[in-house]
Amino acid sequence: MPERYVVVRWPDGPSLRIYSPSTVVEDYFRAGELYPVGDFVRRSREALTIASDRVLAAYGFPCANAARSMAVIADHARSFPTGDVLVEGIES
């Protein structure tokens, strides 16, 4: 499966590289766009669930790394509950 990394910058915070096992994240995020934290979390959860389901369909098990990405995003969202998340880029 073609994996992607979404590079984001949290409000007043660090840059983070988020793993996705699928290109589906390209349907949810655009480089240079700002997303309110809550919207970013929702979009991430939806995209990474679809990506993990694609792994499940192809290999018979969900993607543990996608689940780990969702957990990292949720953890950061608790630290930065307001503001916007900047998508700095999407990498192969």
PDB file of N, CA and C in Angstrom:
ATOM      1  N   MET A   1       0.852  -1.182   0.000  1.00  0.00           N
ATOM      2  CA  MET A   1       0.000   0.000   0.000  1.00  0.00           C
ATOM      3  C   MET A   1       0.899   1.248   0.000  1.00  0.00           C
ATOM      4  N   PRO A   2       0.480   2.267  -0.701  1.00  0.00           N
ATOM      5  CA  PRO A   2       1.294   3.500  -0.763  1.00  0.00           C
ATOM      6  C   PRO A   2       1.118   4.355   0.493  1.00  0.00           C
ATOM      7  N   GLU A   3       2.097   4.332   1.356  1.00  0.00           N
ATOM      8  CA  GLU A   3       2.000   5.076   2.599  1.00  0.00           C
ATOM      9  C   GLU A   3       2.264   6.558   2.365  1.00  0.00           C
ATOM     10  N   ARG A   4       1.743   7.368   3.287  1.00  0.00           N
ATOM     11  CA  ARG A   4       1.946   8.810   3.246  1.00  0.00           C
ATOM     12  C   ARG A   4       2.220   9.293   4.670  1.00  0.00           C
ATOM     13  N   TYR A   5       2.887  10.443   4.744  1.00  0.00           N
ATOM     14  CA  TYR A   5       3.103  11.127   6.007  1.00  0.00           C
ATOM     15  C   TYR A   5       2.527  12.529   5.863  1.00  0.00           C
ATOM     16  N   VAL A   6       1.719  12.921   6.841  1.00  0.00           N
ATOM     17  CA  VAL A   6       1.171  14.269   6.869  1.00  0.00           C
ATOM     18  C   VAL A   6       1.989  15.040   7.903  1.00  0.00           C
ATOM     19  N   VAL A   7       2.631  16.103   7.465  1.00  0.00           N
ATOM     20  CA  VAL A   7       3.461  16.910   8.352  1.00  0.00           C
ATOM     21  C   VAL A   7       2.623  18.112   8.788  1.00  0.00           C
ATOM     22  N   VAL A   8       2.422  18.227  10.093  1.00  0.00           N
ATOM     23  CA  VAL A   8       1.561  19.289  10.625  1.00  0.00           C
ATOM     24  C   VAL A   8       2.297  20.093  11.688  1.00  0.00           C
ATOM     25  N   ARG A   9       1.826  21.305  11.895  1.00  0.00           N
ATOM     26  CA  ARG A   9       2.320  22.144  12.985  1.00  0.00           C
ATOM     27  C   ARG A   9       1.126  22.493  13.860  1.00  0.00           C
ATOM     28  N   TRP A  10       1.244  22.149  15.136  1.00  0.00           N
ATOM     29  CA  TRP A  10       0.187  22.418  16.106  1.00  0.00           C
ATOM     30  C   TRP A  10       0.221  23.891  16.510  1.00  0.00           C
ATOM     31  N   PRO A  11      -0.893  24.420  17.025  1.00  0.00           N
ATOM     32  CA  PRO A  11      -0.922  25.836  17.431  1.00  0.00           C
ATOM     33  C   PRO A  11       0.162  26.119  18.473  1.00  0.00           C
ATOM     34  N   ASP A  12       1.003  27.079  18.199  1.00  0.00           N
ATOM     35  CA  ASP A  12       2.078  27.444  19.123  1.00  0.00           C
ATOM     36  C   ASP A  12       2.884  26.238  19.570  1.00  0.00           C
ATOM     37  N   GLY A  13       2.969  25.244  18.710  1.00  0.00           N
ATOM     38  CA  GLY A  13       3.628  24.026  19.142  1.00  0.00           C
ATOM     39  C   GLY A  13       4.514  23.412  18.087  1.00  0.00           C
ATOM     40  N   PRO A  14       4.839  22.167  18.328  1.00  0.00           N
ATOM     41  CA  PRO A  14       5.814  21.480  17.492  1.00  0.00           C
ATOM     42  C   PRO A  14       5.241  21.008  16.160  1.00  0.00           C
ATOM     43  N   SER A  15       6.148  20.700  15.284  1.00  0.00           N
ATOM     44  CA  SER A  15       5.803  20.048  14.028  1.00  0.00           C
ATOM     45  C   SER A  15       5.722  18.550  14.312  1.00  0.00           C
ATOM     46  N   LEU A  16       4.847  17.872  13.609  1.00  0.00           N
ATOM     47  CA  LEU A  16       4.650  16.444  13.837  1.00  0.00           C
ATOM     48  C   LEU A  16       4.443  15.765  12.492  1.00  0.00           C
ATOM     49  N   ARG A  17       5.058  14.607  12.311  1.00  0.00           N
ATOM     50  CA  ARG A  17       4.922  13.817  11.093  1.00  0.00           C
ATOM     51  C   ARG A  17       4.017  12.632  11.413  1.00  0.00           C
ATOM     52  N   ILE A  18       2.860  12.572  10.752  1.00  0.00           N
ATOM     53  CA  ILE A  18       1.835  11.574  11.052  1.00  0.00           C
ATOM     54  C   ILE A  18       1.789  10.532   9.940  1.00  0.00           C
ATOM     55  N   TYR A  19       1.861   9.263  10.315  1.00  0.00           N
ATOM     56  CA  TYR A  19       1.864   8.158   9.364  1.00  0.00           C
ATOM     57  C   TYR A  19       0.455   7.763   8.943  1.00  0.00           C
ATOM     58  N   SER A  20       0.292   7.468   7.658  1.00  0.00           N
ATOM     59  CA  SER A  20      -0.920   6.861   7.123  1.00  0.00           C
ATOM     60  C   SER A  20      -0.507   5.743   6.174  1.00  0.00           C
ATOM     61  N   PRO A  21      -1.148   4.585   6.268  1.00  0.00           N
ATOM     62  CA  PRO A  21      -0.798   3.489   5.363  1.00  0.00           C
ATOM     63  C   PRO A  21      -1.434   3.637   3.980  1.00  0.00           C
ATOM     64  N   SER A  22      -2.100   4.750   3.728  1.00  0.00           N
ATOM     65  CA  SER A  22      -2.843   4.916   2.482  1.00  0.00           C
ATOM     66  C   SER A  22      -2.816   6.365   2.017  1.00  0.00           C
ATOM     67  N   THR A  23      -3.029   6.559   0.748  1.00  0.00           N
ATOM     68  CA  THR A  23      -3.106   7.900   0.169  1.00  0.00           C
ATOM     69  C   THR A  23      -4.422   8.607   0.503  1.00  0.00           C
ATOM     70  N   VAL A  24      -5.323   7.951   1.186  1.00  0.00           N
ATOM     71  CA  VAL A  24      -6.628   8.553   1.493  1.00  0.00           C
ATOM     72  C   VAL A  24      -6.476   9.898   2.217  1.00  0.00           C
ATOM     73  N   VAL A  25      -5.390  10.085   2.940  1.00  0.00           N
ATOM     74  CA  VAL A  25      -5.193  11.360   3.649  1.00  0.00           C
ATOM     75  C   VAL A  25      -5.142  12.539   2.678  1.00  0.00           C
ATOM     76  N   GLU A  26      -4.766  12.265   1.429  1.00  0.00           N
ATOM     77  CA  GLU A  26      -4.736  13.329   0.422  1.00  0.00           C
ATOM     78  C   GLU A  26      -6.134  13.847   0.092  1.00  0.00           C
ATOM     79  N   ASP A  27      -7.155  13.038   0.392  1.00  0.00           N
ATOM     80  CA  ASP A  27      -8.547  13.464   0.196  1.00  0.00           C
ATOM     81  C   ASP A  27      -9.048  14.330   1.355  1.00  0.00           C
ATOM     82  N   TYR A  28      -8.335  14.322   2.473  1.00  0.00           N
ATOM     83  CA  TYR A  28      -8.776  15.013   3.677  1.00  0.00           C
ATOM     84  C   TYR A  28      -7.955  16.257   4.022  1.00  0.00           C
ATOM     85  N   PHE A  29      -6.736  16.328   3.510  1.00  0.00           N
ATOM     86  CA  PHE A  29      -5.840  17.427   3.868  1.00  0.00           C
ATOM     87  C   PHE A  29      -5.142  17.985   2.643  1.00  0.00           C
ATOM     88  N   ARG A  30      -4.846  19.277   2.699  1.00  0.00           N
ATOM     89  CA  ARG A  30      -4.091  19.966   1.657  1.00  0.00           C
ATOM     90  C   ARG A  30      -2.927  20.715   2.295  1.00  0.00           C
ATOM     91  N   ALA A  31      -1.771  20.624   1.690  1.00  0.00           N
ATOM     92  CA  ALA A  31      -0.607  21.354   2.171  1.00  0.00           C
ATOM     93  C   ALA A  31      -0.902  22.844   2.166  1.00  0.00           C
ATOM     94  N   GLY A  32      -0.518  23.508   3.244  1.00  0.00           N
ATOM     95  CA  GLY A  32      -0.723  24.950   3.372  1.00  0.00           C
ATOM     96  C   GLY A  32      -2.049  25.332   3.995  1.00  0.00           C
ATOM     97  N   GLU A  33      -2.930  24.382   4.217  1.00  0.00           N
ATOM     98  CA  GLU A  33      -4.252  24.664   4.796  1.00  0.00           C
ATOM     99  C   GLU A  33      -4.197  24.620   6.324  1.00  0.00           C
ATOM    100  N   LEU A  34      -5.034  25.455   6.933  1.00  0.00           N
ATOM    101  CA  LEU A  34      -5.230  25.465   8.386  1.00  0.00           C
ATOM    102  C   LEU A  34      -6.547  24.777   8.712  1.00  0.00           C
ATOM    103  N   TYR A  35      -6.550  23.969   9.756  1.00  0.00           N
ATOM    104  CA  TYR A  35      -7.751  23.275  10.216  1.00  0.00           C
ATOM    105  C   TYR A  35      -7.894  23.515  11.716  1.00  0.00           C
ATOM    106  N   PRO A  36      -9.072  23.959  12.175  1.00  0.00           N
ATOM    107  CA  PRO A  36      -9.276  24.047  13.623  1.00  0.00           C
ATOM    108  C   PRO A  36      -8.966  22.686  14.263  1.00  0.00           C
ATOM    109  N   VAL A  37      -8.424  22.713  15.465  1.00  0.00           N
ATOM    110  CA  VAL A  37      -7.981  21.477  16.119  1.00  0.00           C
ATOM    111  C   VAL A  37      -9.064  20.396  16.085  1.00  0.00           C
ATOM    112  N   GLY A  38     -10.277  20.729  16.468  1.00  0.00           N
ATOM    113  CA  GLY A  38     -11.352  19.731  16.490  1.00  0.00           C
ATOM    114  C   GLY A  38     -11.627  19.145  15.116  1.00  0.00           C
ATOM    115  N   ASP A  39     -11.620  19.992  14.097  1.00  0.00           N
ATOM    116  CA  ASP A  39     -11.839  19.532  12.728  1.00  0.00           C
ATOM    117  C   ASP A  39     -10.670  18.661  12.266  1.00  0.00           C
ATOM    118  N   PHE A  40      -9.463  19.053  12.621  1.00  0.00           N
ATOM    119  CA  PHE A  40      -8.295  18.251  12.263  1.00  0.00           C
ATOM    120  C   PHE A  40      -8.375  16.859  12.891  1.00  0.00           C
ATOM    121  N   VAL A  41      -8.766  16.798  14.151  1.00  0.00           N
ATOM    122  CA  VAL A  41      -8.893  15.506  14.833  1.00  0.00           C
ATOM    123  C   VAL A  41      -9.962  14.654  14.147  1.00  0.00           C
ATOM    124  N   ARG A  42     -11.101  15.259  13.837  1.00  0.00           N
ATOM    125  CA  ARG A  42     -12.188  14.523  13.176  1.00  0.00           C
ATOM    126  C   ARG A  42     -11.738  13.996  11.814  1.00  0.00           C
ATOM    127  N   ARG A  43     -11.136  14.865  11.010  1.00  0.00           N
ATOM    128  CA  ARG A  43     -10.672  14.462   9.680  1.00  0.00           C
ATOM    129  C   ARG A  43      -9.618  13.361   9.787  1.00  0.00           C
ATOM    130  N   SER A  44      -8.701  13.498  10.729  1.00  0.00           N
ATOM    131  CA  SER A  44      -7.653  12.497  10.922  1.00  0.00           C
ATOM    132  C   SER A  44      -8.247  11.152  11.287  1.00  0.00           C
ATOM    133  N   ARG A  45      -9.170  11.171  12.229  1.00  0.00           N
ATOM    134  CA  ARG A  45      -9.802   9.920  12.671  1.00  0.00           C
ATOM    135  C   ARG A  45     -10.495   9.236  11.495  1.00  0.00           C
ATOM    136  N   GLU A  46     -11.241  10.014  10.714  1.00  0.00           N
ATOM    137  CA  GLU A  46     -11.957   9.449   9.574  1.00  0.00           C
ATOM    138  C   GLU A  46     -10.985   8.898   8.524  1.00  0.00           C
ATOM    139  N   ALA A  47      -9.992   9.689   8.149  1.00  0.00           N
ATOM    140  CA  ALA A  47      -9.035   9.261   7.126  1.00  0.00           C
ATOM    141  C   ALA A  47      -8.231   8.045   7.575  1.00  0.00           C
ATOM    142  N   LEU A  48      -7.757   8.055   8.808  1.00  0.00           N
ATOM    143  CA  LEU A  48      -6.935   6.951   9.289  1.00  0.00           C
ATOM    144  C   LEU A  48      -7.746   5.679   9.517  1.00  0.00           C
ATOM    145  N   THR A  49      -9.021   5.821   9.841  1.00  0.00           N
ATOM    146  CA  THR A  49      -9.892   4.647   9.950  1.00  0.00           C
ATOM    147  C   THR A  49     -10.081   4.013   8.578  1.00  0.00           C
ATOM    148  N   ILE A  50     -10.327   4.838   7.571  1.00  0.00           N
ATOM    149  CA  ILE A  50     -10.451   4.318   6.203  1.00  0.00           C
ATOM    150  C   ILE A  50      -9.148   3.647   5.780  1.00  0.00           C
ATOM    151  N   ALA A  51      -8.030   4.300   6.061  1.00  0.00           N
ATOM    152  CA  ALA A  51      -6.727   3.740   5.699  1.00  0.00           C
ATOM    153  C   ALA A  51      -6.499   2.389   6.376  1.00  0.00           C
ATOM    154  N   SER A  52      -6.823   2.300   7.650  1.00  0.00           N
ATOM    155  CA  SER A  52      -6.656   1.050   8.387  1.00  0.00           C
ATOM    156  C   SER A  52      -7.590  -0.030   7.849  1.00  0.00           C
ATOM    157  N   ASP A  53      -8.803   0.363   7.482  1.00  0.00           N
ATOM    158  CA  ASP A  53      -9.749  -0.594   6.905  1.00  0.00           C
ATOM    159  C   ASP A  53      -9.249  -1.133   5.566  1.00  0.00           C
ATOM    160  N   ARG A  54      -8.540  -0.301   4.815  1.00  0.00           N
ATOM    161  CA  ARG A  54      -7.951  -0.763   3.549  1.00  0.00           C
ATOM    162  C   ARG A  54      -6.880  -1.818   3.808  1.00  0.00           C
ATOM    163  N   VAL A  55      -6.098  -1.613   4.860  1.00  0.00           N
ATOM    164  CA  VAL A  55      -5.095  -2.611   5.237  1.00  0.00           C
ATOM    165  C   VAL A  55      -5.793  -3.902   5.658  1.00  0.00           C
ATOM    166  N   LEU A  56      -6.849  -3.767   6.430  1.00  0.00           N
ATOM    167  CA  LEU A  56      -7.625  -4.931   6.868  1.00  0.00           C
ATOM    168  C   LEU A  56      -8.143  -5.720   5.667  1.00  0.00           C
ATOM    169  N   ALA A  57      -8.692  -5.018   4.689  1.00  0.00           N
ATOM    170  CA  ALA A  57      -9.227  -5.691   3.506  1.00  0.00           C
ATOM    171  C   ALA A  57      -8.123  -6.389   2.706  1.00  0.00           C
ATOM    172  N   ALA A  58      -6.953  -5.781   2.644  1.00  0.00           N
ATOM    173  CA  ALA A  58      -5.864  -6.335   1.846  1.00  0.00           C
ATOM    174  C   ALA A  58      -5.097  -7.453   2.551  1.00  0.00           C
ATOM    175  N   TYR A  59      -4.915  -7.309   3.880  1.00  0.00           N
ATOM    176  CA  TYR A  59      -4.028  -8.219   4.595  1.00  0.00           C
ATOM    177  C   TYR A  59      -4.683  -9.019   5.717  1.00  0.00           C
ATOM    178  N   GLY A  60      -5.931  -8.705   6.023  1.00  0.00           N
ATOM    179  CA  GLY A  60      -6.633  -9.464   7.049  1.00  0.00           C
ATOM    180  C   GLY A  60      -6.457  -8.949   8.462  1.00  0.00           C
ATOM    181  N   PHE A  61      -5.789  -7.819   8.637  1.00  0.00           N
ATOM    182  CA  PHE A  61      -5.640  -7.218   9.963  1.00  0.00           C
ATOM    183  C   PHE A  61      -5.560  -5.703   9.795  1.00  0.00           C
ATOM    184  N   PRO A  62      -6.046  -4.953  10.792  1.00  0.00           N
ATOM    185  CA  PRO A  62      -5.991  -3.485  10.702  1.00  0.00           C
ATOM    186  C   PRO A  62      -4.565  -2.982  10.898  1.00  0.00           C
ATOM    187  N   CYS A  63      -4.336  -1.746  10.554  1.00  0.00           N
ATOM    188  CA  CYS A  63      -2.999  -1.153  10.653  1.00  0.00           C
ATOM    189  C   CYS A  63      -2.753  -0.604  12.060  1.00  0.00           C
ATOM    190  N   ALA A  64      -1.837  -1.224  12.764  1.00  0.00           N
ATOM    191  CA  ALA A  64      -1.496  -0.770  14.115  1.00  0.00           C
ATOM    192  C   ALA A  64      -0.858   0.619  14.086  1.00  0.00           C
ATOM    193  N   ASN A  65      -0.112   0.928  13.039  1.00  0.00           N
ATOM    194  CA  ASN A  65       0.523   2.248  12.959  1.00  0.00           C
ATOM    195  C   ASN A  65      -0.509   3.355  12.745  1.00  0.00           C
ATOM    196  N   ALA A  66      -1.580   3.069  12.035  1.00  0.00           N
ATOM    197  CA  ALA A  66      -2.657   4.058  11.883  1.00  0.00           C
ATOM    198  C   ALA A  66      -3.316   4.306  13.240  1.00  0.00           C
ATOM    199  N   ALA A  67      -3.526   3.258  14.002  1.00  0.00           N
ATOM    200  CA  ALA A  67      -4.103   3.405  15.348  1.00  0.00           C
ATOM    201  C   ALA A  67      -3.153   4.222  16.235  1.00  0.00           C
ATOM    202  N   ARG A  68      -1.873   3.979  16.104  1.00  0.00           N
ATOM    203  CA  ARG A  68      -0.883   4.734  16.876  1.00  0.00           C
ATOM    204  C   ARG A  68      -0.915   6.213  16.469  1.00  0.00           C
ATOM    205  N   SER A  69      -1.045   6.486  15.172  1.00  0.00           N
ATOM    206  CA  SER A  69      -1.150   7.873  14.701  1.00  0.00           C
ATOM    207  C   SER A  69      -2.373   8.561  15.308  1.00  0.00           C
ATOM    208  N   MET A  70      -3.505   7.841  15.348  1.00  0.00           N
ATOM    209  CA  MET A  70      -4.714   8.426  15.943  1.00  0.00           C
ATOM    210  C   MET A  70      -4.502   8.751  17.414  1.00  0.00           C
ATOM    211  N   ALA A  71      -3.798   7.890  18.126  1.00  0.00           N
ATOM    212  CA  ALA A  71      -3.533   8.124  19.547  1.00  0.00           C
ATOM    213  C   ALA A  71      -2.621   9.334  19.738  1.00  0.00           C
ATOM    214  N   VAL A  72      -1.613   9.485  18.895  1.00  0.00           N
ATOM    215  CA  VAL A  72      -0.701  10.628  18.981  1.00  0.00           C
ATOM    216  C   VAL A  72      -1.464  11.924  18.705  1.00  0.00           C
ATOM    217  N   ILE A  73      -2.329  11.898  17.711  1.00  0.00           N
ATOM    218  CA  ILE A  73      -3.127  13.087  17.383  1.00  0.00           C
ATOM    219  C   ILE A  73      -4.035  13.458  18.553  1.00  0.00           C
ATOM    220  N   ALA A  74      -4.708  12.479  19.141  1.00  0.00           N
ATOM    221  CA  ALA A  74      -5.592  12.740  20.283  1.00  0.00           C
ATOM    222  C   ALA A  74      -4.806  13.327  21.451  1.00  0.00           C
ATOM    223  N   ASP A  75      -3.602  12.812  21.679  1.00  0.00           N
ATOM    224  CA  ASP A  75      -2.758  13.309  22.762  1.00  0.00           C
ATOM    225  C   ASP A  75      -2.359  14.766  22.522  1.00  0.00           C
ATOM    226  N   HIS A  76      -1.938  15.087  21.310  1.00  0.00           N
ATOM    227  CA  HIS A  76      -1.576  16.463  20.989  1.00  0.00           C
ATOM    228  C   HIS A  76      -2.788  17.388  21.077  1.00  0.00           C
ATOM    229  N   ALA A  77      -3.942  16.909  20.650  1.00  0.00           N
ATOM    230  CA  ALA A  77      -5.157  17.733  20.691  1.00  0.00           C
ATOM    231  C   ALA A  77      -5.508  18.117  22.124  1.00  0.00           C
ATOM    232  N   ARG A  78      -5.212  17.253  23.076  1.00  0.00           N
ATOM    233  CA  ARG A  78      -5.469  17.595  24.486  1.00  0.00           C
ATOM    234  C   ARG A  78      -4.533  18.718  24.942  1.00  0.00           C
ATOM    235  N   SER A  79      -3.321  18.745  24.393  1.00  0.00           N
ATOM    236  CA  SER A  79      -2.357  19.787  24.751  1.00  0.00           C
ATOM    237  C   SER A  79      -2.650  21.114  24.070  1.00  0.00           C
ATOM    238  N   PHE A  80      -3.296  21.060  22.906  1.00  0.00           N
ATOM    239  CA  PHE A  80      -3.594  22.255  22.108  1.00  0.00           C
ATOM    240  C   PHE A  80      -5.073  22.236  21.725  1.00  0.00           C
ATOM    241  N   PRO A  81      -5.978  22.441  22.708  1.00  0.00           N
ATOM    242  CA  PRO A  81      -7.414  22.288  22.447  1.00  0.00           C
ATOM    243  C   PRO A  81      -8.017  23.373  21.554  1.00  0.00           C
ATOM    244  N   THR A  82      -7.331  24.500  21.387  1.00  0.00           N
ATOM    245  CA  THR A  82      -7.862  25.561  20.537  1.00  0.00           C
ATOM    246  C   THR A  82      -6.809  25.957  19.513  1.00  0.00           C
ATOM    247  N   GLY A  83      -7.233  26.733  18.547  1.00  0.00           N
ATOM    248  CA  GLY A  83      -6.314  27.185  17.509  1.00  0.00           C
ATOM    249  C   GLY A  83      -6.420  26.325  16.266  1.00  0.00           C
ATOM    250  N   ASP A  84      -5.489  26.536  15.373  1.00  0.00           N
ATOM    251  CA  ASP A  84      -5.493  25.834  14.089  1.00  0.00           C
ATOM    252  C   ASP A  84      -4.247  24.981  13.928  1.00  0.00           C
ATOM    253  N   VAL A  85      -4.436  23.872  13.240  1.00  0.00           N
ATOM    254  CA  VAL A  85      -3.337  22.989  12.877  1.00  0.00           C
ATOM    255  C   VAL A  85      -3.001  23.292  11.416  1.00  0.00           C
ATOM    256  N   LEU A  86      -1.739  23.563  11.140  1.00  0.00           N
ATOM    257  CA  LEU A  86      -1.280  23.829   9.786  1.00  0.00           C
ATOM    258  C   LEU A  86      -0.738  22.544   9.176  1.00  0.00           C
ATOM    259  N   VAL A  87      -1.252  22.176   8.014  1.00  0.00           N
ATOM    260  CA  VAL A  87      -0.682  21.054   7.273  1.00  0.00           C
ATOM    261  C   VAL A  87       0.475  21.620   6.458  1.00  0.00           C
ATOM    262  N   GLU A  88       1.679  21.272   6.868  1.00  0.00           N
ATOM    263  CA  GLU A  88       2.868  21.784   6.197  1.00  0.00           C
ATOM    264  C   GLU A  88       3.166  21.029   4.909  1.00  0.00           C
ATOM    265  N   GLY A  89       2.753  19.785   4.846  1.00  0.00           N
ATOM    266  CA  GLY A  89       2.985  19.012   3.637  1.00  0.00           C
ATOM    267  C   GLY A  89       2.520  17.588   3.778  1.00  0.00           C
ATOM    268  N   ILE A  90       2.464  16.896   2.643  1.00  0.00           N
ATOM    269  CA  ILE A  90       2.157  15.468   2.599  1.00  0.00           C
ATOM    270  C   ILE A  90       3.297  14.819   1.835  1.00  0.00           C
ATOM    271  N   GLU A  91       3.923  13.823   2.459  1.00  0.00           N
ATOM    272  CA  GLU A  91       5.115  13.189   1.906  1.00  0.00           C
ATOM    273  C   GLU A  91       4.881  11.723   1.644  1.00  0.00           C
ATOM    274  N   SER A  92       5.647  11.196   0.697  1.00  0.00           N
ATOM    275  CA  SER A  92       5.620   9.755   0.402  1.00  0.00           C
ATOM    276  C   SER A  92       6.554   9.035   1.335  1.00  0.00           C
TER     277      SER A  92
END
